[in-house]
Amino acid sequence: MNARNSHLAALGLVRNPFPYTPDAGCYFSTPHLDEQLVELEHCVLSRKGFSLLTAEVGMGKSTLVRRLMTDLAAKNVVSALVFNTFLQGPELLAAVLQDFGLEGTGALPSDISALNTFLLANHREGKTCLLIIDDAQNLSANSLELIRLLCNLETDQEKLLQILLAGQPELEEMLSQHSLRQLRSRLVKHSRLYGLTSTEIADYVRFRFESSGSNGSLVLQTDACQLLWRETQGVPRQIHLIMDRCLYGLAARNGNVIDANLMKEAITDSRVDLVGAPTVDAVGVVPPARTRRPWLVAAAFAGLVATGAALGSRFGGVDAGQAQPMADGAAAQVVALAPPLTEPAPAPASAAPDAPAVAALSVSPDASAAAPGTPAVAPGGLFGAGCEPATEQPDGRMVVSQPLAELTHQLLGARLARLADVCMDSRQGQVWLTWSTPQAGHALNNRLTAARFQIALTEYGSLLPREVDGIWGERSRGALRQFQNELGLSPSGEVDPLSGLLLEKFYVQEQ
């Protein structure tokens, strides 16, 4: 071990447990990762064609891809990996040919013909050919059209070339474009990777220590692990960055226990603040001078106005300003939120005279274990780190807080954290979301509003475009129940505050 890593030797380690590059040779599995790996392998070995793997930056896509290639190499699979996706069109095809051991001519028709001949020869030998393109979010529309052409290489029964595109969530948005609907229709499997839970982080750190020669003497305390989870949201790359700094701290102190104080120092040291870049404050480790994000609820109204203008001609004669009450019983579920244990519980906020009926109930200090589907009116002073909405909300809106189900947080936590008018914090070990919502609920009797949410459900994929009619009936409720169930929400079939937020932010405004 060189002098640069002498601190690792001092800790009894033979290699860096937390490298900054993909480390498929030290692969940590979770039930979710195992499931995705098995399903992707099945798609390749069954020669089903086109698959997709997406995850946020640093989530472990490249590591999973390399593990997939390693596993498939023993199963008669010939693989090509292209990671320079700034190559486009003919240059991209030339890179594919090169990785398969072929020479390209630079002419698209002849190169595709050469690839087809190669694929047929391997098919006759009983081999399966797999093309993996990493960082595929960088592909141009023309390159994605090339992928569609390669998907057409097939026999009467099977696809000759198995294709896996791996990339960031922007890739999903690209493939959702109408112009790429033919390629999208060929997709047989979409795998998403999520951040590790706090329990999985503890297991992961222990696994990395043991794989690097530790005899069990290095310890990550529980409270330090919670801080690590809150800061990283389970993203492996961020875990490696912070844990690497913890190791330097341990060596400097000649210690073997990573406690909360050391973790806070490592987290602070790992942060790189760029002027103008959005930031997400973590609970308990926010630098004193850090500016918290403002609440920009006006952005939500801008999205609604734009959507209403687009739909106005189709559903003419509807008053877009109508407001309808919440579904029966929805308002009665709203309760006053209990603060974290570190704050004394203030009196419940009193409702405005003209506000809809809201049950203002006192809640015990352990109310953070409330059902994730129950929103709560958030009185002043009850927000965690980073949660300081404006004292005055726009007319007709109120601020609510709600605990997120683990599945919802895994699926959408990273995207929610980037929203300027939504904030997340941790209360007694549970993730809470705070945002503003219409006091009167979403007016589904208004055809413009109903059509907007129907269009959002078509973007999600649970409703067909031809079923958008501006009438919120059982078909729309069924599509919404599918949306809610798959995202870890209560499948009520009604547009509750959280469902409305997710649909508006990710399937209306992004369009």
Protein backbone atom coordinates (compact mmCIF):
# COMPACT_ATOMS: atom_id res chain seq x y z
CA MET A 1 0.00 0.00 0.00
CA ASN A 2 1.48 3.37 -1.03
CA ALA A 3 2.05 6.35 1.24
CA ARG A 4 -1.12 8.01 -0.04
CA ASN A 5 -3.13 5.28 1.66
CA SER A 6 -1.05 4.97 4.82
CA HIS A 7 -4.06 5.99 6.90
CA LEU A 8 -5.83 2.82 5.70
CA ALA A 9 -2.94 0.64 6.83
CA ALA A 10 -3.08 2.32 10.23
CA LEU A 11 -6.71 1.20 10.48
CA GLY A 12 -5.85 -2.39 9.53
CA LEU A 13 -7.29 -2.15 6.01
CA VAL A 14 -5.64 -3.64 2.92
CA ARG A 15 -7.59 -1.57 0.37
CA ASN A 16 -9.80 1.49 0.25
CA PRO A 17 -13.30 0.41 1.36
CA PHE A 18 -14.90 3.44 -0.28
CA PRO A 19 -13.32 4.07 -3.70
CA TYR A 20 -14.65 6.77 -6.01
CA THR A 21 -14.95 4.43 -9.02
CA PRO A 22 -17.40 1.54 -9.68
CA ASP A 23 -16.28 -1.54 -7.76
CA ALA A 24 -18.09 -4.57 -9.15
CA GLY A 25 -15.56 -6.88 -7.48
CA CYS A 26 -16.91 -5.83 -4.08
CA TYR A 27 -20.60 -5.95 -4.91
CA PHE A 28 -23.14 -5.35 -2.14
CA SER A 29 -26.59 -6.78 -2.78
CA THR A 30 -29.96 -5.82 -1.38
CA PRO A 31 -33.32 -7.48 -2.07
CA HIS A 32 -34.17 -4.66 -4.48
CA LEU A 33 -30.84 -4.89 -6.34
CA ASP A 34 -31.10 -8.67 -6.53
CA GLU A 35 -34.59 -8.40 -7.98
CA GLN A 36 -33.52 -5.92 -10.66
CA LEU A 37 -30.44 -7.96 -11.54
CA VAL A 38 -32.42 -11.18 -11.91
CA GLU A 39 -35.08 -9.53 -14.06
CA LEU A 40 -32.54 -7.87 -16.35
CA GLU A 41 -30.69 -11.17 -16.74
CA HIS A 42 -33.98 -12.87 -17.60
CA CYS A 43 -34.75 -10.29 -20.29
CA VAL A 44 -31.31 -10.82 -21.86
CA LEU A 45 -31.30 -14.62 -21.70
CA SER A 46 -34.88 -14.77 -22.99
CA ARG A 47 -33.84 -12.50 -25.88
CA LYS A 48 -36.68 -10.09 -25.31
CA GLY A 49 -34.86 -7.09 -26.76
CA PHE A 50 -34.85 -3.61 -25.25
CA SER A 51 -34.48 -2.85 -21.52
CA LEU A 52 -33.92 0.35 -19.54
CA LEU A 53 -32.04 1.04 -16.30
CA THR A 54 -32.36 4.47 -14.68
CA ALA A 55 -31.22 6.00 -11.42
CA GLU A 56 -30.01 9.29 -10.02
CA VAL A 57 -26.33 10.24 -10.17
CA GLY A 58 -24.13 8.06 -7.98
CA MET A 59 -26.77 5.41 -7.31
CA GLY A 60 -24.67 2.51 -8.63
CA LYS A 61 -25.85 2.03 -12.23
CA SER A 62 -22.37 1.39 -13.59
CA THR A 63 -21.58 -1.06 -10.79
CA LEU A 64 -24.79 -3.00 -11.49
CA VAL A 65 -24.03 -2.99 -15.23
CA ARG A 66 -20.58 -4.48 -14.64
CA ARG A 67 -22.01 -7.09 -12.29
CA LEU A 68 -24.60 -7.97 -14.94
CA MET A 69 -21.90 -8.42 -17.57
CA THR A 70 -19.83 -10.59 -15.22
CA ASP A 71 -22.78 -12.85 -14.42
CA LEU A 72 -23.84 -13.17 -18.07
CA ALA A 73 -20.33 -13.94 -19.33
CA ALA A 74 -20.66 -17.43 -17.82
CA LYS A 75 -24.01 -17.92 -19.59
CA ASN A 76 -22.88 -17.77 -23.22
CA VAL A 77 -23.54 -14.04 -23.58
CA VAL A 78 -21.30 -11.84 -25.73
CA SER A 79 -21.40 -8.28 -24.39
CA ALA A 80 -20.41 -4.87 -25.69
CA LEU A 81 -20.25 -1.84 -23.39
CA VAL A 82 -20.31 1.69 -24.80
CA PHE A 83 -19.87 4.48 -22.28
CA ASN A 84 -18.70 7.35 -24.51
CA THR A 85 -22.21 8.48 -25.38
CA PHE A 86 -20.99 11.80 -26.75
CA LEU A 87 -20.36 9.77 -29.88
CA GLN A 88 -23.46 10.08 -32.02
CA GLY A 89 -24.96 8.43 -35.10
CA PRO A 90 -22.40 6.59 -37.28
CA GLU A 91 -19.62 7.16 -34.70
CA LEU A 92 -21.76 5.49 -32.04
CA LEU A 93 -22.40 2.52 -34.32
CA ALA A 94 -18.65 2.31 -35.03
CA ALA A 95 -18.00 2.14 -31.27
CA VAL A 96 -20.57 -0.67 -30.97
CA LEU A 97 -18.88 -2.62 -33.76
CA GLN A 98 -15.45 -2.07 -32.23
CA ASP A 99 -16.53 -3.40 -28.84
CA PHE A 100 -17.90 -6.50 -30.55
CA GLY A 101 -14.50 -6.89 -32.28
CA LEU A 102 -15.68 -5.72 -35.70
CA GLU A 103 -14.36 -3.02 -38.02
CA GLY A 104 -16.72 -0.34 -39.23
CA THR A 105 -16.69 1.43 -42.58
CA GLY A 106 -18.31 4.66 -41.43
CA ALA A 107 -21.29 4.05 -43.70
CA LEU A 108 -24.47 3.32 -41.75
CA PRO A 109 -26.05 0.72 -44.11
CA SER A 110 -22.89 -1.37 -44.49
CA ASP A 111 -22.09 -1.20 -40.77
CA ILE A 112 -25.59 -2.34 -39.81
CA SER A 113 -25.28 -5.16 -42.34
CA ALA A 114 -21.94 -6.22 -40.83
CA LEU A 115 -23.46 -6.16 -37.35
CA ASN A 116 -26.44 -8.22 -38.52
CA THR A 117 -24.12 -10.84 -40.02
CA PHE A 118 -22.19 -11.01 -36.74
CA LEU A 119 -25.39 -11.39 -34.72
CA LEU A 120 -26.73 -14.15 -36.97
CA ALA A 121 -23.45 -16.08 -36.68
CA ASN A 122 -23.56 -15.91 -32.89
CA HIS A 123 -27.24 -16.87 -32.89
CA ARG A 124 -26.46 -20.02 -34.88
CA GLU A 125 -23.83 -20.91 -32.26
CA GLY A 126 -26.39 -20.49 -29.48
CA LYS A 127 -24.84 -17.28 -28.16
CA THR A 128 -26.74 -14.19 -27.04
CA CYS A 129 -25.40 -10.73 -27.94
CA LEU A 130 -25.89 -7.86 -25.50
CA LEU A 131 -25.24 -4.17 -26.10
CA ILE A 132 -25.09 -1.93 -23.02
CA ILE A 133 -24.92 1.84 -23.43
CA ASP A 134 -24.06 3.62 -20.19
CA ASP A 135 -24.84 7.31 -19.56
CA ALA A 136 -27.45 6.99 -22.29
CA GLN A 137 -29.09 10.27 -21.26
CA ASN A 138 -26.43 11.93 -23.44
CA LEU A 139 -27.70 10.27 -26.62
CA SER A 140 -29.23 12.52 -29.24
CA ALA A 141 -32.61 11.91 -30.85
CA ASN A 142 -30.82 10.61 -33.96
CA SER A 143 -28.81 8.15 -31.88
CA LEU A 144 -31.97 6.92 -30.17
CA GLU A 145 -33.45 6.41 -33.63
CA LEU A 146 -30.37 4.28 -34.40
CA ILE A 147 -31.15 2.23 -31.28
CA ARG A 148 -34.65 1.69 -32.66
CA LEU A 149 -33.17 0.39 -35.93
CA LEU A 150 -30.92 -2.00 -34.00
CA CYS A 151 -33.98 -3.25 -32.11
CA ASN A 152 -35.36 -4.39 -35.47
CA LEU A 153 -32.54 -6.92 -35.96
CA GLU A 154 -34.39 -10.14 -35.24
CA THR A 155 -35.35 -13.64 -36.33
CA ASP A 156 -38.92 -14.84 -36.68
CA GLN A 157 -39.05 -15.58 -32.94
CA GLU A 158 -36.32 -13.65 -31.13
CA LYS A 159 -34.36 -10.42 -31.03
CA LEU A 160 -30.82 -10.85 -32.30
CA LEU A 161 -29.44 -7.98 -30.24
CA GLN A 162 -30.34 -7.40 -26.60
CA ILE A 163 -30.03 -3.71 -25.70
CA LEU A 164 -29.79 -2.15 -22.26
CA LEU A 165 -29.76 1.63 -21.96
CA ALA A 166 -28.52 2.84 -18.57
CA GLY A 167 -28.80 6.48 -17.58
CA GLN A 168 -30.09 9.21 -15.34
CA PRO A 169 -33.82 10.05 -15.00
CA GLU A 170 -33.50 12.51 -17.89
CA LEU A 171 -33.42 9.43 -20.11
CA GLU A 172 -36.98 8.59 -19.06
CA GLU A 173 -38.07 12.09 -20.07
CA MET A 174 -36.38 11.73 -23.45
CA LEU A 175 -38.07 8.42 -24.15
CA SER A 176 -41.46 9.87 -23.19
CA GLN A 177 -41.33 12.20 -26.21
CA HIS A 178 -43.95 11.55 -28.85
CA SER A 179 -41.28 11.34 -31.57
CA LEU A 180 -39.70 8.35 -29.79
CA ARG A 181 -42.92 6.41 -29.23
CA GLN A 182 -41.79 3.63 -31.60
CA LEU A 183 -38.66 2.98 -29.55
CA ARG A 184 -40.64 3.28 -26.31
CA SER A 185 -43.12 0.66 -27.54
CA ARG A 186 -40.26 -1.86 -27.78
CA LEU A 187 -39.32 -1.47 -24.10
CA VAL A 188 -39.88 -4.74 -22.21
CA LYS A 189 -38.29 -3.90 -18.85
CA HIS A 190 -37.60 -0.70 -16.93
CA SER A 191 -35.46 -1.08 -13.81
CA ARG A 192 -35.05 1.80 -11.36
CA LEU A 193 -32.46 1.93 -8.59
CA TYR A 194 -33.20 3.64 -5.28
CA GLY A 195 -31.10 4.83 -2.36
CA LEU A 196 -30.22 2.51 0.50
CA THR A 197 -32.29 2.61 3.66
CA SER A 198 -30.59 3.47 6.96
CA THR A 199 -30.49 -0.23 7.88
CA GLU A 200 -28.96 -1.11 4.51
CA ILE A 201 -26.37 1.65 4.93
CA ALA A 202 -25.24 0.11 8.24
CA ASP A 203 -24.95 -3.30 6.55
CA TYR A 204 -23.23 -1.74 3.54
CA VAL A 205 -20.56 0.02 5.61
CA ARG A 206 -19.92 -3.16 7.61
CA PHE A 207 -19.65 -5.14 4.36
CA ARG A 208 -17.18 -2.66 2.84
CA PHE A 209 -15.04 -2.72 5.99
CA GLU A 210 -14.95 -6.53 6.07
CA SER A 211 -14.18 -6.73 2.33
CA SER A 212 -11.20 -4.46 2.88
CA GLY A 213 -9.56 -6.50 5.62
CA SER A 214 -11.17 -5.17 8.78
CA ASN A 215 -11.42 -7.68 11.61
CA GLY A 216 -14.58 -6.07 12.95
CA SER A 217 -12.82 -3.43 15.02
CA LEU A 218 -14.14 -0.49 12.96
CA VAL A 219 -17.58 0.58 14.16
CA LEU A 220 -20.19 2.96 12.75
CA GLN A 221 -22.46 4.05 15.59
CA THR A 222 -26.22 4.11 15.03
CA ASP A 223 -26.63 7.87 15.44
CA ALA A 224 -23.77 8.48 13.02
CA CYS A 225 -25.42 6.11 10.54
CA GLN A 226 -28.67 8.09 10.80
CA LEU A 227 -26.79 11.31 10.03
CA LEU A 228 -25.14 9.61 7.06
CA TRP A 229 -28.52 8.49 5.71
CA ARG A 230 -30.11 11.91 6.14
CA GLU A 231 -27.25 13.60 4.32
CA THR A 232 -26.90 11.11 1.46
CA GLN A 233 -30.44 9.70 1.17
CA GLY A 234 -28.72 6.35 0.60
CA VAL A 235 -26.81 7.35 -2.55
CA PRO A 236 -23.67 5.11 -2.61
CA ARG A 237 -21.39 7.71 -4.21
CA GLN A 238 -22.17 10.23 -1.49
CA ILE A 239 -21.75 7.54 1.18
CA HIS A 240 -18.27 6.78 -0.18
CA LEU A 241 -17.33 10.46 -0.23
CA ILE A 242 -18.30 11.00 3.42
CA MET A 243 -17.03 7.67 4.75
CA ASP A 244 -13.65 8.26 3.10
CA ARG A 245 -13.34 11.44 5.14
CA CYS A 246 -14.38 9.55 8.26
CA LEU A 247 -11.46 7.16 7.74
CA TYR A 248 -9.01 10.06 7.63
CA GLY A 249 -10.54 11.33 10.87
CA LEU A 250 -10.26 7.92 12.54
CA ALA A 251 -6.61 7.59 11.57
CA ALA A 252 -5.81 11.09 12.82
CA ARG A 253 -7.45 10.32 16.17
CA ASN A 254 -6.03 6.80 16.36
CA GLY A 255 -9.59 5.60 16.93
CA ASN A 256 -11.89 2.92 15.62
CA VAL A 257 -15.41 4.28 16.31
CA ILE A 258 -17.22 6.63 13.94
CA ASP A 259 -19.51 8.61 16.20
CA ALA A 260 -21.96 11.44 15.50
CA ASN A 261 -19.37 14.19 16.05
CA LEU A 262 -16.92 12.70 13.58
CA MET A 263 -19.75 12.11 11.09
CA LYS A 264 -20.88 15.75 11.33
CA GLU A 265 -17.32 16.92 10.68
CA ALA A 266 -17.00 14.59 7.68
CA ILE A 267 -20.34 15.74 6.27
CA THR A 268 -19.42 19.41 6.62
CA ASP A 269 -16.02 18.76 5.05
CA SER A 270 -17.54 16.86 2.11
CA ARG A 271 -19.94 19.59 1.09
CA VAL A 272 -19.01 21.70 -1.90
CA ASP A 273 -21.17 24.82 -2.18
CA LEU A 274 -21.41 26.30 -5.65
CA VAL A 275 -22.86 29.78 -6.05
CA GLY A 276 -26.34 29.51 -7.53
CA ALA A 277 -26.56 25.73 -7.17
CA PRO A 278 -29.65 24.34 -5.40
CA THR A 279 -28.97 22.79 -2.01
CA VAL A 280 -30.85 20.48 0.32
CA ASP A 281 -30.33 20.97 4.03
CA ALA A 282 -29.78 17.83 6.10
CA VAL A 283 -31.14 17.50 9.60
CA GLY A 284 -28.66 18.22 12.37
CA VAL A 285 -25.68 19.06 10.17
CA VAL A 286 -26.63 22.40 8.62
CA PRO A 287 -23.80 24.98 8.78
CA PRO A 288 -24.90 27.97 10.93
CA ALA A 289 -24.66 30.51 8.11
CA ARG A 290 -26.41 28.39 5.52
CA THR A 291 -29.34 30.08 3.78
CA ARG A 292 -32.49 28.02 3.66
CA ARG A 293 -34.58 27.73 0.54
CA PRO A 294 -37.52 30.13 0.11
CA TRP A 295 -40.98 28.85 -0.66
CA LEU A 296 -41.82 29.70 -4.26
CA VAL A 297 -45.42 28.57 -4.47
CA ALA A 298 -45.99 30.99 -7.36
CA ALA A 299 -44.21 28.46 -9.58
CA ALA A 300 -47.07 26.04 -9.09
CA PHE A 301 -49.59 28.63 -10.27
CA ALA A 302 -47.53 29.34 -13.38
CA GLY A 303 -47.78 25.65 -14.34
CA LEU A 304 -51.53 25.63 -13.78
CA VAL A 305 -52.09 28.76 -15.87
CA ALA A 306 -50.07 27.34 -18.77
CA THR A 307 -51.96 24.04 -18.62
CA GLY A 308 -55.34 25.76 -18.46
CA ALA A 309 -54.52 27.87 -21.52
CA ALA A 310 -53.58 24.75 -23.48
CA LEU A 311 -56.80 22.97 -22.58
CA GLY A 312 -59.18 25.92 -22.77
CA SER A 313 -60.01 25.50 -26.44
CA ARG A 314 -60.78 21.79 -26.01
CA PHE A 315 -63.09 22.16 -23.02
CA GLY A 316 -64.61 25.56 -23.74
CA GLY A 317 -67.32 27.01 -21.54
CA VAL A 318 -65.85 25.73 -18.28
CA ASP A 319 -65.10 28.23 -15.52
CA ALA A 320 -61.50 27.50 -14.59
CA GLY A 321 -61.88 29.52 -11.43
CA GLN A 322 -64.48 27.25 -9.85
CA ALA A 323 -63.45 25.66 -6.58
CA GLN A 324 -64.90 22.42 -5.30
CA PRO A 325 -64.57 21.03 -1.77
CA MET A 326 -62.43 18.05 -0.90
CA ALA A 327 -63.80 14.58 -1.29
CA ASP A 328 -66.06 13.54 1.59
CA GLY A 329 -64.06 12.80 4.69
CA ALA A 330 -60.76 14.12 3.30
CA ALA A 331 -60.86 17.34 5.30
CA ALA A 332 -61.62 15.48 8.49
CA GLN A 333 -58.31 13.62 8.15
CA VAL A 334 -56.28 16.82 8.45
CA VAL A 335 -54.71 17.21 11.89
CA ALA A 336 -52.24 19.56 13.56
CA LEU A 337 -48.66 18.37 13.34
CA ALA A 338 -46.58 17.49 16.39
CA PRO A 339 -43.07 18.99 16.40
CA PRO A 340 -39.79 17.06 16.67
CA LEU A 341 -38.78 16.04 20.18
CA THR A 342 -36.23 18.84 20.30
CA GLU A 343 -38.97 21.49 20.39
CA PRO A 344 -41.76 22.08 22.91
CA ALA A 345 -45.18 21.45 21.43
CA PRO A 346 -46.97 24.74 20.71
CA ALA A 347 -50.71 25.16 20.72
CA PRO A 348 -52.46 24.06 17.52
CA ALA A 349 -52.84 26.80 14.93
CA SER A 350 -56.34 28.17 14.68
CA ALA A 351 -58.04 27.94 11.30
CA ALA A 352 -58.89 31.07 9.35
CA PRO A 353 -62.59 32.04 9.57
CA ASP A 354 -63.30 31.30 5.93
CA ALA A 355 -61.13 28.18 5.68
CA PRO A 356 -62.73 24.77 5.07
CA ALA A 357 -63.51 22.68 8.13
CA VAL A 358 -60.29 21.21 9.52
CA ALA A 359 -59.96 19.09 12.62
CA ALA A 360 -57.24 20.77 14.72
CA LEU A 361 -56.24 17.93 17.02
CA SER A 362 -53.41 17.81 19.52
CA VAL A 363 -50.98 15.01 18.79
CA SER A 364 -48.69 13.10 21.11
CA PRO A 365 -44.91 13.50 20.69
CA ASP A 366 -44.65 10.18 18.85
CA ALA A 367 -47.12 11.26 16.19
CA SER A 368 -44.42 11.06 13.55
CA ALA A 369 -45.37 7.42 13.27
CA ALA A 370 -48.73 8.46 11.85
CA ALA A 371 -49.96 6.79 8.71
CA PRO A 372 -48.03 8.15 5.71
CA GLY A 373 -51.29 8.93 3.93
CA THR A 374 -52.45 11.43 6.56
CA PRO A 375 -51.55 15.06 5.80
CA ALA A 376 -51.30 17.60 8.60
CA VAL A 377 -51.79 21.34 8.69
CA ALA A 378 -48.38 22.71 9.64
CA PRO A 379 -48.58 25.50 12.23
CA GLY A 380 -45.78 28.03 12.48
CA GLY A 381 -42.54 26.98 14.16
CA LEU A 382 -42.96 23.26 13.54
CA PHE A 383 -40.68 22.87 10.57
CA GLY A 384 -37.41 20.95 10.65
CA ALA A 385 -34.11 22.08 9.15
CA GLY A 386 -34.70 23.71 5.76
CA CYS A 387 -38.50 23.91 6.22
CA GLU A 388 -39.41 27.56 6.61
CA PRO A 389 -42.26 28.45 4.23
CA ALA A 390 -43.47 32.01 3.91
CA THR A 391 -45.72 33.14 6.76
CA GLU A 392 -48.41 34.17 4.28
CA GLN A 393 -49.55 31.74 1.63
CA PRO A 394 -51.33 32.83 -1.57
CA ASP A 395 -55.10 33.08 -1.24
CA GLY A 396 -56.77 29.71 -1.16
CA ARG A 397 -53.67 27.66 -0.23
CA MET A 398 -52.44 26.18 3.01
CA VAL A 399 -49.21 24.53 4.15
CA VAL A 400 -49.39 20.82 5.03
CA SER A 401 -46.88 18.24 6.24
CA GLN A 402 -47.04 14.48 5.84
CA PRO A 403 -44.75 11.51 6.53
CA LEU A 404 -43.62 9.73 3.37
CA ALA A 405 -43.95 5.99 2.98
CA GLU A 406 -40.57 4.33 2.43
CA LEU A 407 -41.50 3.27 -1.13
CA THR A 408 -42.57 6.82 -2.02
CA HIS A 409 -39.33 8.19 -0.63
CA GLN A 410 -37.25 5.63 -2.51
CA LEU A 411 -39.03 6.33 -5.79
CA LEU A 412 -39.33 10.11 -5.66
CA GLY A 413 -37.27 11.37 -2.71
CA ALA A 414 -34.38 12.66 -4.83
CA ARG A 415 -36.70 14.48 -7.24
CA LEU A 416 -38.79 15.98 -4.45
CA ALA A 417 -35.65 17.26 -2.74
CA ARG A 418 -34.84 19.34 -5.83
CA LEU A 419 -38.15 21.23 -5.80
CA ALA A 420 -37.86 24.82 -4.58
CA ASP A 421 -41.35 25.02 -3.06
CA VAL A 422 -41.27 21.64 -1.29
CA CYS A 423 -39.04 20.64 1.57
CA MET A 424 -38.15 17.38 3.28
CA ASP A 425 -36.86 16.82 6.78
CA SER A 426 -36.50 13.96 9.22
CA ARG A 427 -38.53 13.72 12.43
CA GLN A 428 -37.74 10.95 14.87
CA GLY A 429 -36.24 8.84 12.10
CA GLN A 430 -39.09 9.32 9.59
CA VAL A 431 -38.98 11.44 6.44
CA TRP A 432 -41.61 14.20 6.28
CA LEU A 433 -42.66 16.34 3.33
CA THR A 434 -43.96 19.91 3.66
CA TRP A 435 -45.63 21.87 0.86
CA SER A 436 -48.61 24.08 0.05
CA THR A 437 -51.89 22.76 -1.36
CA PRO A 438 -55.28 24.26 -2.29
CA GLN A 439 -57.42 24.62 0.83
CA ALA A 440 -60.53 23.52 -1.06
CA GLY A 441 -58.83 20.49 -2.58
CA HIS A 442 -58.62 19.85 -6.32
CA ALA A 443 -61.79 20.77 -8.21
CA LEU A 444 -62.38 17.58 -10.17
CA ASN A 445 -65.91 18.72 -11.07
CA ASN A 446 -64.14 21.34 -13.17
CA ARG A 447 -63.43 19.73 -16.55
CA LEU A 448 -60.20 21.67 -17.02
CA THR A 449 -58.86 20.39 -13.70
CA ALA A 450 -60.05 16.84 -14.37
CA ALA A 451 -58.51 16.87 -17.85
CA ARG A 452 -55.22 18.18 -16.47
CA PHE A 453 -54.95 15.28 -14.04
CA GLN A 454 -56.09 12.81 -16.70
CA ILE A 455 -53.31 14.02 -18.98
CA ALA A 456 -50.87 13.62 -16.09
CA LEU A 457 -52.01 10.01 -15.69
CA THR A 458 -51.46 9.39 -19.41
CA GLU A 459 -47.91 10.69 -18.99
CA TYR A 460 -47.47 8.29 -16.09
CA GLY A 461 -48.92 5.45 -18.17
CA SER A 462 -52.01 4.35 -16.22
CA LEU A 463 -54.53 6.05 -18.55
CA LEU A 464 -54.76 5.98 -22.34
CA PRO A 465 -54.65 9.32 -24.20
CA ARG A 466 -58.00 8.61 -25.86
CA GLU A 467 -59.58 8.35 -22.40
CA VAL A 468 -58.91 12.04 -21.60
CA ASP A 469 -62.39 13.59 -21.62
CA GLY A 470 -62.44 16.01 -18.69
CA ILE A 471 -64.91 13.83 -16.78
CA TRP A 472 -63.56 12.37 -13.54
CA GLY A 473 -65.28 9.00 -13.36
CA GLU A 474 -64.50 5.45 -12.32
CA ARG A 475 -62.02 4.94 -15.16
CA SER A 476 -59.99 7.95 -14.01
CA ARG A 477 -60.21 6.83 -10.38
CA GLY A 478 -58.94 3.39 -11.36
CA ALA A 479 -55.98 4.93 -13.20
CA LEU A 480 -55.26 7.09 -10.17
CA ARG A 481 -55.45 4.07 -7.84
CA GLN A 482 -52.81 2.34 -9.99
CA PHE A 483 -50.62 5.45 -9.80
CA GLN A 484 -51.05 5.67 -6.02
CA ASN A 485 -50.45 1.96 -5.40
CA GLU A 486 -47.26 1.86 -7.48
CA LEU A 487 -45.82 4.92 -5.72
CA GLY A 488 -46.59 3.76 -2.17
CA LEU A 489 -49.58 6.06 -1.62
CA SER A 490 -52.95 5.08 -0.20
CA PRO A 491 -54.91 3.81 -3.26
CA SER A 492 -58.04 5.86 -2.60
CA GLY A 493 -58.72 6.84 -6.20
CA GLU A 494 -59.12 10.45 -5.03
CA VAL A 495 -56.69 13.29 -5.71
CA ASP A 496 -55.53 13.82 -2.13
CA PRO A 497 -52.94 16.56 -1.42
CA LEU A 498 -49.87 14.34 -1.92
CA SER A 499 -51.21 12.67 -5.07
CA GLY A 500 -52.06 16.10 -6.44
CA LEU A 501 -48.57 17.38 -5.68
CA LEU A 502 -46.83 14.45 -7.39
CA LEU A 503 -49.06 14.59 -10.46
CA GLU A 504 -48.69 18.35 -10.85
CA LYS A 505 -44.95 18.49 -10.27
CA PHE A 506 -43.80 15.46 -12.23
CA TYR A 507 -46.47 14.83 -14.85
CA VAL A 508 -48.03 18.24 -15.58
CA GLN A 509 -45.46 20.99 -15.10
CA GLU A 510 -42.57 18.99 -16.56
CA GLN A 511 -44.49 18.72 -19.81
